[in-house]
Amino acid sequence: MTDTDLKQDRQRGEAYLFLATLFANRPEVEALARMATIAEQSSGEEGCAGEIIAALRGEPDLEALTLRLATEHTRLFRGVREGYGPPPPYESLWREGQMMGDSTVAVATAFLEAGYAYDGAWGPCDHLAEELRFMAALCNAEDDGGVLEQQAAFVERHLSAWVPTYCHALAEQAREPLYRALARVTAAIVAEDAEHLRTHESQRDRPRSRRG
């Protein structure tokens, strides 16, 4: 693996972890203040954070925003009651219409095969935040051969199979610009990474030409 490949994998890992953090946690005012400062000081932030950070530009009261986002985070991601927000982001719920379905078992198997330790913070392991954290862990792994195969398989069999549909619904139901941006960026990252991994796999499998 070249230094360029390593840098790219680290960047991909950072992107997945950044998204996972926003799905998992209610933003604190200090974190929003840092993001808002970046937004005000730049016309366009590069990377996956750009559109999300831009959603904070011009916010006059970050403490009030923090309270709004806390309420919105609960409504969008906690599944408090039917009709209050979208179904919470569990793969089995979005693919099979039930919790703890076949998708959950498949995700748990992928975690086990990769040696990934899941702490159970979100209950079933197929919560989007945990699937994104898993991808971040794979991107940051040292071995590139089998790990790349695991990344490609997980994106194809899991993230690509439900995240686009979920993010479309999230963008439609989110009331805060930050979470609408999170939905758009997450869908884009998954689509771009799926293409990246397909390209990488095809290049690696291509027979080398012989000289002589």
N, C-alpha and C. Protein backbone atom coordinates (compact mmCIF):
# COMPACT_ATOMS: atom_id res chain seq x y z
N MET A 1 0.84 -1.20 0.00
CA MET A 1 0.00 0.00 0.00
C MET A 1 0.88 1.25 0.00
N THR A 2 0.59 2.19 -0.89
CA THR A 2 1.39 3.40 -1.00
C THR A 2 0.99 4.41 0.07
N ASP A 3 1.85 5.44 0.24
CA ASP A 3 1.53 6.51 1.18
C ASP A 3 0.24 7.22 0.77
N THR A 4 0.03 7.36 -0.52
CA THR A 4 -1.20 8.00 -1.02
C THR A 4 -2.42 7.18 -0.63
N ASP A 5 -2.32 5.86 -0.78
CA ASP A 5 -3.43 4.98 -0.39
C ASP A 5 -3.71 5.09 1.10
N LEU A 6 -2.64 5.10 1.90
CA LEU A 6 -2.81 5.21 3.35
C LEU A 6 -3.50 6.52 3.73
N LYS A 7 -3.06 7.61 3.10
CA LYS A 7 -3.67 8.91 3.39
C LYS A 7 -5.14 8.92 3.00
N GLN A 8 -5.45 8.33 1.85
CA GLN A 8 -6.83 8.28 1.39
C GLN A 8 -7.70 7.45 2.33
N ASP A 9 -7.16 6.33 2.79
CA ASP A 9 -7.91 5.50 3.72
C ASP A 9 -8.15 6.21 5.04
N ARG A 10 -7.14 6.94 5.51
CA ARG A 10 -7.32 7.70 6.76
C ARG A 10 -8.41 8.77 6.59
N GLN A 11 -8.42 9.43 5.45
CA GLN A 11 -9.44 10.45 5.19
C GLN A 11 -10.83 9.83 5.13
N ARG A 12 -10.92 8.65 4.51
CA ARG A 12 -12.20 7.96 4.45
C ARG A 12 -12.65 7.57 5.86
N GLY A 13 -11.70 7.09 6.66
CA GLY A 13 -12.02 6.73 8.03
C GLY A 13 -12.51 7.92 8.84
N GLU A 14 -11.85 9.05 8.67
CA GLU A 14 -12.26 10.27 9.38
C GLU A 14 -13.66 10.70 8.96
N ALA A 15 -13.97 10.57 7.67
CA ALA A 15 -15.29 10.95 7.18
C ALA A 15 -16.37 10.06 7.81
N TYR A 16 -16.13 8.76 7.82
CA TYR A 16 -17.11 7.85 8.41
C TYR A 16 -17.29 8.13 9.90
N LEU A 17 -16.19 8.40 10.60
CA LEU A 17 -16.29 8.64 12.04
C LEU A 17 -17.00 9.96 12.33
N PHE A 18 -16.75 10.98 11.51
CA PHE A 18 -17.42 12.26 11.68
C PHE A 18 -18.93 12.10 11.53
N LEU A 19 -19.35 11.37 10.50
CA LEU A 19 -20.78 11.13 10.29
C LEU A 19 -21.37 10.32 11.44
N ALA A 20 -20.65 9.28 11.87
CA ALA A 20 -21.13 8.44 12.96
C ALA A 20 -21.36 9.26 14.23
N THR A 21 -20.46 10.18 14.50
CA THR A 21 -20.58 11.01 15.71
C THR A 21 -21.84 11.86 15.68
N LEU A 22 -22.18 12.40 14.51
CA LEU A 22 -23.38 13.23 14.41
C LEU A 22 -24.66 12.41 14.55
N PHE A 23 -24.64 11.18 14.05
CA PHE A 23 -25.80 10.32 14.23
C PHE A 23 -25.92 9.84 15.67
N ALA A 24 -24.80 9.63 16.33
CA ALA A 24 -24.82 9.03 17.66
C ALA A 24 -25.08 10.03 18.77
N ASN A 25 -24.59 11.26 18.63
CA ASN A 25 -24.58 12.20 19.75
C ASN A 25 -25.30 13.50 19.43
N ARG A 26 -25.91 14.06 20.44
CA ARG A 26 -26.45 15.41 20.33
C ARG A 26 -25.28 16.39 20.36
N PRO A 27 -25.19 17.32 19.41
CA PRO A 27 -24.05 18.24 19.39
C PRO A 27 -24.01 19.12 20.64
N GLU A 28 -22.83 19.29 21.19
CA GLU A 28 -22.63 20.20 22.32
C GLU A 28 -22.34 21.59 21.79
N VAL A 29 -22.58 22.61 22.61
CA VAL A 29 -22.43 23.99 22.16
C VAL A 29 -20.99 24.29 21.79
N GLU A 30 -20.02 23.68 22.50
CA GLU A 30 -18.61 23.94 22.17
C GLU A 30 -18.27 23.42 20.78
N ALA A 31 -18.76 22.24 20.45
CA ALA A 31 -18.50 21.67 19.12
C ALA A 31 -19.17 22.52 18.04
N LEU A 32 -20.39 22.97 18.29
CA LEU A 32 -21.08 23.82 17.32
C LEU A 32 -20.35 25.14 17.13
N ALA A 33 -19.80 25.68 18.22
CA ALA A 33 -19.07 26.94 18.12
C ALA A 33 -17.83 26.78 17.23
N ARG A 34 -17.11 25.66 17.39
CA ARG A 34 -15.95 25.42 16.53
C ARG A 34 -16.37 25.29 15.07
N MET A 35 -17.44 24.56 14.82
CA MET A 35 -17.92 24.38 13.46
C MET A 35 -18.40 25.70 12.86
N ALA A 36 -19.08 26.50 13.67
CA ALA A 36 -19.58 27.79 13.19
C ALA A 36 -18.43 28.74 12.86
N THR A 37 -17.36 28.70 13.65
CA THR A 37 -16.19 29.53 13.38
C THR A 37 -15.56 29.15 12.05
N ILE A 38 -15.43 27.85 11.80
CA ILE A 38 -14.90 27.39 10.52
C ILE A 38 -15.79 27.85 9.38
N ALA A 39 -17.11 27.76 9.59
CA ALA A 39 -18.05 28.16 8.55
C ALA A 39 -17.92 29.64 8.21
N GLU A 40 -17.74 30.47 9.23
CA GLU A 40 -17.64 31.91 9.00
C GLU A 40 -16.32 32.31 8.38
N GLN A 41 -15.28 31.54 8.64
CA GLN A 41 -13.94 31.91 8.16
C GLN A 41 -13.62 31.37 6.78
N SER A 42 -14.48 30.51 6.25
CA SER A 42 -14.20 29.92 4.94
C SER A 42 -15.43 30.00 4.05
N SER A 43 -15.19 30.19 2.78
CA SER A 43 -16.29 30.23 1.82
C SER A 43 -16.74 28.83 1.45
N GLY A 44 -15.89 27.85 1.63
CA GLY A 44 -16.25 26.47 1.31
C GLY A 44 -15.24 25.51 1.90
N GLU A 45 -15.66 24.77 2.91
CA GLU A 45 -14.79 23.80 3.56
C GLU A 45 -14.70 22.54 2.72
N GLU A 46 -13.50 22.04 2.51
CA GLU A 46 -13.34 20.83 1.73
C GLU A 46 -13.67 19.60 2.58
N GLY A 47 -13.97 18.51 1.90
CA GLY A 47 -14.24 17.26 2.58
C GLY A 47 -15.71 17.10 2.93
N CYS A 48 -16.01 15.97 3.56
CA CYS A 48 -17.41 15.64 3.83
C CYS A 48 -18.05 16.62 4.81
N ALA A 49 -17.23 17.28 5.64
CA ALA A 49 -17.78 18.19 6.64
C ALA A 49 -18.27 19.50 6.04
N GLY A 50 -17.88 19.79 4.80
CA GLY A 50 -18.14 21.10 4.22
C GLY A 50 -19.59 21.52 4.23
N GLU A 51 -20.46 20.71 3.65
CA GLU A 51 -21.88 21.08 3.57
C GLU A 51 -22.52 21.11 4.95
N ILE A 52 -22.10 20.23 5.83
CA ILE A 52 -22.67 20.20 7.18
C ILE A 52 -22.26 21.44 7.96
N ILE A 53 -20.99 21.79 7.88
CA ILE A 53 -20.51 22.99 8.57
C ILE A 53 -21.16 24.24 8.01
N ALA A 54 -21.34 24.27 6.69
CA ALA A 54 -21.96 25.44 6.05
C ALA A 54 -23.38 25.66 6.56
N ALA A 55 -24.04 24.61 7.02
CA ALA A 55 -25.41 24.75 7.53
C ALA A 55 -25.46 25.59 8.80
N LEU A 56 -24.30 25.81 9.44
CA LEU A 56 -24.26 26.60 10.68
C LEU A 56 -23.93 28.07 10.41
N ARG A 57 -23.61 28.39 9.17
CA ARG A 57 -23.19 29.75 8.86
C ARG A 57 -24.33 30.74 9.13
N GLY A 58 -24.01 31.78 9.88
CA GLY A 58 -24.99 32.82 10.16
C GLY A 58 -25.91 32.53 11.34
N GLU A 59 -25.71 31.43 12.07
CA GLU A 59 -26.54 31.13 13.23
C GLU A 59 -26.25 32.15 14.34
N PRO A 60 -27.24 32.92 14.77
CA PRO A 60 -26.97 33.99 15.74
C PRO A 60 -26.87 33.52 17.19
N ASP A 61 -27.48 32.39 17.53
CA ASP A 61 -27.55 31.97 18.92
C ASP A 61 -27.25 30.47 18.99
N LEU A 62 -25.99 30.13 19.29
CA LEU A 62 -25.60 28.73 19.28
C LEU A 62 -26.19 27.95 20.47
N GLU A 63 -26.43 28.62 21.57
CA GLU A 63 -27.04 27.92 22.71
C GLU A 63 -28.48 27.52 22.37
N ALA A 64 -29.20 28.42 21.72
CA ALA A 64 -30.57 28.08 21.31
C ALA A 64 -30.54 26.98 20.26
N LEU A 65 -29.56 27.04 19.34
CA LEU A 65 -29.42 26.01 18.33
C LEU A 65 -29.13 24.65 18.97
N THR A 66 -28.29 24.65 20.00
CA THR A 66 -27.97 23.40 20.69
C THR A 66 -29.22 22.74 21.25
N LEU A 67 -30.10 23.53 21.83
CA LEU A 67 -31.35 22.99 22.37
C LEU A 67 -32.25 22.46 21.26
N ARG A 68 -32.33 23.21 20.16
CA ARG A 68 -33.15 22.76 19.03
C ARG A 68 -32.62 21.46 18.45
N LEU A 69 -31.29 21.36 18.32
CA LEU A 69 -30.70 20.16 17.74
C LEU A 69 -30.86 18.96 18.67
N ALA A 70 -30.82 19.20 19.98
CA ALA A 70 -31.03 18.10 20.93
C ALA A 70 -32.43 17.53 20.77
N THR A 71 -33.42 18.40 20.65
CA THR A 71 -34.80 17.95 20.45
C THR A 71 -34.94 17.24 19.12
N GLU A 72 -34.33 17.80 18.10
CA GLU A 72 -34.41 17.23 16.76
C GLU A 72 -33.68 15.89 16.69
N HIS A 73 -32.56 15.78 17.38
CA HIS A 73 -31.81 14.51 17.41
C HIS A 73 -32.68 13.40 18.00
N THR A 74 -33.37 13.70 19.08
CA THR A 74 -34.26 12.72 19.69
C THR A 74 -35.39 12.35 18.74
N ARG A 75 -35.99 13.34 18.10
CA ARG A 75 -37.12 13.08 17.19
C ARG A 75 -36.70 12.24 16.00
N LEU A 76 -35.52 12.54 15.43
CA LEU A 76 -35.11 11.89 14.19
C LEU A 76 -34.51 10.50 14.41
N PHE A 77 -33.78 10.31 15.51
CA PHE A 77 -32.96 9.11 15.64
C PHE A 77 -33.35 8.15 16.77
N ARG A 78 -34.23 8.57 17.65
CA ARG A 78 -34.54 7.74 18.82
C ARG A 78 -35.79 6.88 18.66
N GLY A 79 -36.61 7.15 17.66
CA GLY A 79 -37.82 6.36 17.48
C GLY A 79 -38.74 6.43 18.68
N VAL A 80 -39.01 7.65 19.15
CA VAL A 80 -39.79 7.84 20.38
C VAL A 80 -41.19 7.24 20.23
N ARG A 81 -41.85 7.57 19.13
CA ARG A 81 -43.17 6.98 18.86
C ARG A 81 -43.46 7.10 17.37
N GLU A 82 -44.33 6.25 16.89
CA GLU A 82 -44.67 6.24 15.48
C GLU A 82 -45.32 7.56 15.08
N GLY A 83 -44.85 8.12 13.98
CA GLY A 83 -45.40 9.37 13.49
C GLY A 83 -44.70 10.61 14.00
N TYR A 84 -43.88 10.48 15.05
CA TYR A 84 -43.17 11.63 15.60
C TYR A 84 -41.94 11.97 14.78
N GLY A 85 -41.36 10.99 14.16
CA GLY A 85 -40.19 11.17 13.29
C GLY A 85 -40.04 9.92 12.45
N PRO A 86 -39.00 9.84 11.63
CA PRO A 86 -38.80 8.64 10.83
C PRO A 86 -38.44 7.45 11.72
N PRO A 87 -38.64 6.23 11.22
CA PRO A 87 -38.16 5.07 11.98
C PRO A 87 -36.67 5.22 12.27
N PRO A 88 -36.22 4.82 13.44
CA PRO A 88 -34.80 4.99 13.79
C PRO A 88 -33.91 4.22 12.82
N PRO A 89 -32.64 4.63 12.71
CA PRO A 89 -31.77 4.09 11.67
C PRO A 89 -31.14 2.73 11.99
N TYR A 90 -31.99 1.71 12.03
CA TYR A 90 -31.52 0.33 12.14
C TYR A 90 -31.72 -0.35 10.78
N GLU A 91 -30.69 -1.00 10.31
CA GLU A 91 -30.76 -1.60 8.97
C GLU A 91 -31.93 -2.57 8.83
N SER A 92 -32.12 -3.44 9.81
CA SER A 92 -33.18 -4.43 9.71
C SER A 92 -34.56 -3.77 9.66
N LEU A 93 -34.72 -2.67 10.37
CA LEU A 93 -36.00 -1.97 10.39
C LEU A 93 -36.31 -1.38 9.03
N TRP A 94 -35.28 -0.84 8.37
CA TRP A 94 -35.49 -0.21 7.07
C TRP A 94 -35.53 -1.22 5.93
N ARG A 95 -34.87 -2.34 6.07
CA ARG A 95 -34.85 -3.34 5.00
C ARG A 95 -35.94 -4.39 5.16
N GLU A 96 -36.26 -4.73 6.42
CA GLU A 96 -37.17 -5.84 6.65
C GLU A 96 -38.44 -5.44 7.39
N GLY A 97 -38.49 -4.18 7.85
CA GLY A 97 -39.67 -3.74 8.58
C GLY A 97 -39.77 -4.28 9.98
N GLN A 98 -38.66 -4.76 10.54
CA GLN A 98 -38.66 -5.29 11.90
C GLN A 98 -37.28 -5.13 12.52
N MET A 99 -37.24 -5.09 13.83
CA MET A 99 -35.98 -5.07 14.55
C MET A 99 -35.43 -6.49 14.68
N MET A 100 -34.11 -6.59 14.78
CA MET A 100 -33.44 -7.87 15.02
C MET A 100 -33.78 -8.89 13.94
N GLY A 101 -33.69 -8.46 12.70
CA GLY A 101 -33.97 -9.36 11.59
C GLY A 101 -32.71 -10.02 11.06
N ASP A 102 -32.82 -10.58 9.86
CA ASP A 102 -31.67 -11.23 9.24
C ASP A 102 -30.51 -10.25 9.02
N SER A 103 -30.85 -8.99 8.74
CA SER A 103 -29.81 -7.99 8.53
C SER A 103 -28.96 -7.81 9.78
N THR A 104 -29.60 -7.85 10.93
CA THR A 104 -28.86 -7.70 12.19
C THR A 104 -27.87 -8.83 12.37
N VAL A 105 -28.30 -10.04 12.06
CA VAL A 105 -27.42 -11.21 12.18
C VAL A 105 -26.24 -11.08 11.22
N ALA A 106 -26.52 -10.63 9.99
CA ALA A 106 -25.47 -10.49 8.99
C ALA A 106 -24.45 -9.43 9.40
N VAL A 107 -24.92 -8.33 9.98
CA VAL A 107 -24.01 -7.29 10.46
C VAL A 107 -23.17 -7.81 11.61
N ALA A 108 -23.79 -8.51 12.54
CA ALA A 108 -23.05 -9.08 13.67
C ALA A 108 -21.98 -10.06 13.19
N THR A 109 -22.29 -10.82 12.15
CA THR A 109 -21.32 -11.75 11.58
C THR A 109 -20.15 -11.01 10.96
N ALA A 110 -20.45 -9.92 10.24
CA ALA A 110 -19.38 -9.11 9.64
C ALA A 110 -18.48 -8.52 10.71
N PHE A 111 -19.07 -8.04 11.81
CA PHE A 111 -18.28 -7.51 12.91
C PHE A 111 -17.37 -8.59 13.50
N LEU A 112 -17.93 -9.77 13.72
CA LEU A 112 -17.18 -10.86 14.32
C LEU A 112 -16.02 -11.29 13.43
N GLU A 113 -16.28 -11.43 12.14
CA GLU A 113 -15.24 -11.86 11.21
C GLU A 113 -14.10 -10.86 11.12
N ALA A 114 -14.42 -9.57 11.32
CA ALA A 114 -13.40 -8.53 11.24
C ALA A 114 -12.71 -8.29 12.59
N GLY A 115 -13.19 -8.95 13.65
CA GLY A 115 -12.63 -8.73 14.97
C GLY A 115 -13.02 -7.39 15.55
N TYR A 116 -14.18 -6.88 15.14
CA TYR A 116 -14.63 -5.57 15.60
C TYR A 116 -15.47 -5.73 16.86
N ALA A 117 -15.12 -5.01 17.92
CA ALA A 117 -15.82 -5.11 19.20
C ALA A 117 -16.93 -4.07 19.25
N TYR A 118 -18.15 -4.54 19.38
CA TYR A 118 -19.33 -3.67 19.47
C TYR A 118 -19.75 -3.56 20.94
N ASP A 119 -19.91 -2.32 21.43
CA ASP A 119 -20.16 -2.14 22.86
C ASP A 119 -21.63 -2.17 23.24
N GLY A 120 -22.52 -2.29 22.28
CA GLY A 120 -23.95 -2.40 22.58
C GLY A 120 -24.62 -1.10 22.98
N ALA A 121 -23.98 0.02 22.72
CA ALA A 121 -24.54 1.31 23.14
C ALA A 121 -25.89 1.60 22.48
N TRP A 122 -26.10 1.08 21.28
CA TRP A 122 -27.34 1.35 20.55
C TRP A 122 -28.26 0.14 20.50
N GLY A 123 -28.05 -0.83 21.37
CA GLY A 123 -28.88 -2.02 21.30
C GLY A 123 -28.41 -2.89 20.14
N PRO A 124 -29.30 -3.25 19.21
CA PRO A 124 -28.88 -4.05 18.05
C PRO A 124 -27.72 -3.40 17.31
N CYS A 125 -26.84 -4.23 16.79
CA CYS A 125 -25.60 -3.73 16.21
C CYS A 125 -25.77 -3.07 14.85
N ASP A 126 -26.98 -3.18 14.24
CA ASP A 126 -27.14 -2.64 12.89
C ASP A 126 -27.64 -1.20 12.88
N HIS A 127 -27.39 -0.47 13.98
CA HIS A 127 -27.66 0.98 13.98
C HIS A 127 -26.67 1.67 13.06
N LEU A 128 -27.12 2.70 12.35
CA LEU A 128 -26.26 3.36 11.37
C LEU A 128 -24.98 3.89 11.98
N ALA A 129 -25.06 4.46 13.18
CA ALA A 129 -23.85 5.00 13.81
C ALA A 129 -22.80 3.92 13.97
N GLU A 130 -23.23 2.70 14.35
CA GLU A 130 -22.27 1.63 14.56
C GLU A 130 -21.76 1.08 13.23
N GLU A 131 -22.59 1.04 12.21
CA GLU A 131 -22.11 0.59 10.91
C GLU A 131 -21.08 1.57 10.34
N LEU A 132 -21.28 2.86 10.57
CA LEU A 132 -20.31 3.86 10.12
C LEU A 132 -19.01 3.76 10.92
N ARG A 133 -19.12 3.51 12.22
CA ARG A 133 -17.92 3.33 13.04
C ARG A 133 -17.14 2.09 12.59
N PHE A 134 -17.85 1.06 12.23
CA PHE A 134 -17.21 -0.16 11.73
C PHE A 134 -16.41 0.14 10.47
N MET A 135 -17.01 0.90 9.54
CA MET A 135 -16.29 1.25 8.33
C MET A 135 -15.07 2.12 8.64
N ALA A 136 -15.19 3.00 9.62
CA ALA A 136 -14.04 3.82 10.02
C ALA A 136 -12.92 2.94 10.54
N ALA A 137 -13.27 1.92 11.33
CA ALA A 137 -12.26 1.01 11.88
C ALA A 137 -11.58 0.23 10.76
N LEU A 138 -12.33 -0.21 9.77
CA LEU A 138 -11.74 -0.93 8.64
C LEU A 138 -10.81 -0.02 7.84
N CYS A 139 -11.22 1.23 7.64
CA CYS A 139 -10.38 2.17 6.89
C CYS A 139 -9.07 2.45 7.61
N ASN A 140 -9.08 2.38 8.92
CA ASN A 140 -7.89 2.68 9.71
C ASN A 140 -7.05 1.45 10.02
N ALA A 141 -7.45 0.28 9.54
CA ALA A 141 -6.69 -0.93 9.77
C ALA A 141 -5.41 -0.91 8.95
N GLU A 142 -4.41 -1.59 9.42
CA GLU A 142 -3.11 -1.59 8.75
C GLU A 142 -3.09 -2.49 7.51
N ASP A 143 -3.72 -3.66 7.62
CA ASP A 143 -3.73 -4.62 6.50
C ASP A 143 -4.64 -4.10 5.40
N ASP A 144 -4.20 -4.19 4.14
CA ASP A 144 -5.01 -3.63 3.06
C ASP A 144 -5.71 -4.68 2.22
N GLY A 145 -5.25 -5.92 2.23
CA GLY A 145 -5.81 -6.93 1.34
C GLY A 145 -7.20 -7.36 1.75
N GLY A 146 -7.26 -8.20 2.79
CA GLY A 146 -8.56 -8.68 3.25
C GLY A 146 -9.45 -7.58 3.76
N VAL A 147 -8.86 -6.54 4.35
CA VAL A 147 -9.66 -5.44 4.88
C VAL A 147 -10.40 -4.71 3.76
N LEU A 148 -9.73 -4.50 2.63
CA LEU A 148 -10.41 -3.85 1.51
C LEU A 148 -11.57 -4.71 1.01
N GLU A 149 -11.37 -6.02 1.00
CA GLU A 149 -12.46 -6.91 0.61
C GLU A 149 -13.63 -6.81 1.59
N GLN A 150 -13.30 -6.71 2.88
CA GLN A 150 -14.34 -6.57 3.89
C GLN A 150 -15.07 -5.23 3.73
N GLN A 151 -14.34 -4.17 3.45
CA GLN A 151 -14.96 -2.87 3.22
C GLN A 151 -15.93 -2.92 2.05
N ALA A 152 -15.45 -3.45 0.92
CA ALA A 152 -16.27 -3.51 -0.28
C ALA A 152 -17.51 -4.35 -0.04
N ALA A 153 -17.36 -5.49 0.63
CA ALA A 153 -18.50 -6.36 0.89
C ALA A 153 -19.51 -5.69 1.81
N PHE A 154 -19.02 -4.97 2.85
CA PHE A 154 -19.94 -4.36 3.80
C PHE A 154 -20.71 -3.21 3.17
N VAL A 155 -20.03 -2.42 2.38
CA VAL A 155 -20.72 -1.31 1.71
C VAL A 155 -21.76 -1.85 0.74
N GLU A 156 -21.39 -2.86 -0.04
CA GLU A 156 -22.32 -3.40 -1.03
C GLU A 156 -23.51 -4.12 -0.38
N ARG A 157 -23.23 -4.96 0.61
CA ARG A 157 -24.29 -5.80 1.18
C ARG A 157 -25.12 -5.08 2.23
N HIS A 158 -24.57 -4.01 2.81
CA HIS A 158 -25.28 -3.36 3.90
C HIS A 158 -25.55 -1.87 3.63
N LEU A 159 -24.53 -1.02 3.70
CA LEU A 159 -24.77 0.42 3.60
C LEU A 159 -25.51 0.80 2.33
N SER A 160 -25.06 0.29 1.18
CA SER A 160 -25.69 0.66 -0.09
C SER A 160 -27.11 0.12 -0.20
N ALA A 161 -27.42 -0.90 0.59
CA ALA A 161 -28.73 -1.55 0.48
C ALA A 161 -29.85 -0.79 1.20
N TRP A 162 -29.49 0.13 2.10
CA TRP A 162 -30.57 0.82 2.82
C TRP A 162 -30.31 2.29 3.12
N VAL A 163 -29.06 2.70 3.18
CA VAL A 163 -28.76 4.08 3.55
C VAL A 163 -29.33 5.11 2.56
N PRO A 164 -29.28 4.89 1.23
CA PRO A 164 -29.87 5.89 0.33
C PRO A 164 -31.36 6.14 0.61
N THR A 165 -32.12 5.06 0.82
CA THR A 165 -33.55 5.21 1.12
C THR A 165 -33.76 5.91 2.46
N TYR A 166 -33.00 5.51 3.45
CA TYR A 166 -33.12 6.13 4.76
C TYR A 166 -32.77 7.62 4.70
N CYS A 167 -31.68 7.96 4.05
CA CYS A 167 -31.24 9.36 4.00
C CYS A 167 -32.23 10.23 3.23
N HIS A 168 -32.87 9.67 2.22
CA HIS A 168 -33.90 10.42 1.50
C HIS A 168 -35.05 10.78 2.45
N ALA A 169 -35.49 9.81 3.24
CA ALA A 169 -36.56 10.07 4.20
C ALA A 169 -36.10 11.05 5.28
N LEU A 170 -34.86 10.90 5.74
CA LEU A 170 -34.33 11.80 6.76
C LEU A 170 -34.29 13.24 6.27
N ALA A 171 -33.82 13.43 5.04
CA ALA A 171 -33.75 14.78 4.48
C ALA A 171 -35.13 15.41 4.37
N GLU A 172 -36.13 14.61 4.05
CA GLU A 172 -37.49 15.12 3.91
C GLU A 172 -38.10 15.50 5.26
N GLN A 173 -37.75 14.77 6.31
CA GLN A 173 -38.39 14.98 7.61
C GLN A 173 -37.60 15.88 8.55
N ALA A 174 -36.32 16.08 8.28
CA ALA A 174 -35.50 16.92 9.17
C ALA A 174 -35.94 18.37 9.09
N ARG A 175 -36.03 19.02 10.23
CA ARG A 175 -36.44 20.42 10.29
C ARG A 175 -35.26 21.38 10.40
N GLU A 176 -34.11 20.84 10.79
CA GLU A 176 -32.92 21.67 10.95
C GLU A 176 -31.98 21.49 9.76
N PRO A 177 -31.42 22.59 9.23
CA PRO A 177 -30.50 22.49 8.09
C PRO A 177 -29.34 21.54 8.33
N LEU A 178 -28.82 21.48 9.55
CA LEU A 178 -27.68 20.61 9.82
C LEU A 178 -28.02 19.15 9.55
N TYR A 179 -29.22 18.73 9.95
CA TYR A 179 -29.57 17.32 9.77
C TYR A 179 -30.01 17.03 8.33
N ARG A 180 -30.53 18.02 7.64
CA ARG A 180 -30.79 17.82 6.21
C ARG A 180 -29.46 17.66 5.47
N ALA A 181 -28.47 18.47 5.85
CA ALA A 181 -27.14 18.34 5.25
C ALA A 181 -26.51 17.00 5.60
N LEU A 182 -26.69 16.56 6.84
CA LEU A 182 -26.14 15.26 7.26
C LEU A 182 -26.71 14.14 6.40
N ALA A 183 -27.99 14.20 6.12
CA ALA A 183 -28.63 13.18 5.28
C ALA A 183 -28.04 13.17 3.87
N ARG A 184 -27.92 14.35 3.28
CA ARG A 184 -27.38 14.42 1.91
C ARG A 184 -25.93 13.95 1.84
N VAL A 185 -25.13 14.40 2.80
CA VAL A 185 -23.70 14.05 2.79
C VAL A 185 -23.51 12.56 3.04
N THR A 186 -24.26 11.99 3.96
CA THR A 186 -24.12 10.56 4.25
C THR A 186 -24.44 9.72 3.02
N ALA A 187 -25.52 10.04 2.34
CA ALA A 187 -25.87 9.31 1.12
C ALA A 187 -24.78 9.45 0.07
N ALA A 188 -24.23 10.66 -0.06
CA ALA A 188 -23.19 10.89 -1.06
C ALA A 188 -21.91 10.14 -0.72
N ILE A 189 -21.53 10.13 0.56
CA ILE A 189 -20.31 9.44 0.98
C ILE A 189 -20.42 7.94 0.71
N VAL A 190 -21.56 7.36 1.02
CA VAL A 190 -21.75 5.92 0.79
C VAL A 190 -21.68 5.60 -0.70
N ALA A 191 -22.34 6.42 -1.52
CA ALA A 191 -22.32 6.19 -2.97
C ALA A 191 -20.91 6.34 -3.53
N GLU A 192 -20.21 7.39 -3.11
CA GLU A 192 -18.85 7.62 -3.61
C GLU A 192 -17.89 6.52 -3.16
N ASP A 193 -18.06 6.07 -1.91
CA ASP A 193 -17.16 5.04 -1.42
C ASP A 193 -17.43 3.70 -2.09
N ALA A 194 -18.68 3.43 -2.38
CA ALA A 194 -19.00 2.19 -3.10
C ALA A 194 -18.31 2.17 -4.46
N GLU A 195 -18.33 3.30 -5.15
CA GLU A 195 -17.66 3.39 -6.45
C GLU A 195 -16.16 3.29 -6.29
N HIS A 196 -15.61 3.96 -5.27
CA HIS A 196 -14.17 3.90 -5.01
C HIS A 196 -13.71 2.47 -4.77
N LEU A 197 -14.46 1.73 -3.97
CA LEU A 197 -14.07 0.36 -3.63
C LEU A 197 -14.23 -0.58 -4.83
N ARG A 198 -15.26 -0.36 -5.64
CA ARG A 198 -15.40 -1.17 -6.85
C ARG A 198 -14.24 -0.95 -7.79
N THR A 199 -13.85 0.32 -7.96
CA THR A 199 -12.73 0.65 -8.84
C THR A 199 -11.43 0.05 -8.32
N HIS A 200 -11.22 0.17 -7.02
CA HIS A 200 -9.99 -0.35 -6.41
C HIS A 200 -9.92 -1.87 -6.56
N GLU A 201 -11.04 -2.54 -6.34
CA GLU A 201 -11.06 -3.99 -6.46
C GLU A 201 -10.79 -4.44 -7.90
N SER A 202 -11.38 -3.75 -8.87
CA SER A 202 -11.17 -4.13 -10.27
C SER A 202 -9.74 -3.89 -10.70
N GLN A 203 -9.12 -2.82 -10.21
CA GLN A 203 -7.72 -2.56 -10.55
C GLN A 203 -6.80 -3.60 -9.93
N ARG A 204 -7.11 -4.01 -8.71
CA ARG A 204 -6.28 -5.00 -8.03
C ARG A 204 -6.40 -6.37 -8.70
N ASP A 205 -7.61 -6.69 -9.22
CA ASP A 205 -7.83 -8.00 -9.83
C ASP A 205 -7.39 -8.06 -11.28
N ARG A 206 -7.07 -6.91 -11.88
CA ARG A 206 -6.68 -6.88 -13.28
C ARG A 206 -5.33 -7.58 -13.47
N PRO A 207 -5.22 -8.52 -14.42
CA PRO A 207 -3.94 -9.21 -14.63
C PRO A 207 -2.85 -8.22 -15.05
N ARG A 208 -1.66 -8.41 -14.50
CA ARG A 208 -0.53 -7.56 -14.89
C ARG A 208 0.03 -8.02 -16.22
N SER A 209 0.35 -7.06 -17.08
CA SER A 209 0.93 -7.40 -18.38
C SER A 209 2.37 -7.83 -18.21
N ARG A 210 2.80 -8.77 -19.01
CA ARG A 210 4.16 -9.27 -18.93
C ARG A 210 5.01 -8.65 -20.04
N ARG A 211 6.24 -8.37 -19.68
CA ARG A 211 7.18 -7.85 -20.66
C ARG A 211 8.09 -8.98 -21.14
N GLY A 212 8.57 -8.83 -22.39
CA GLY A 212 9.56 -9.79 -22.83
C GLY A 212 9.19 -10.47 -24.09
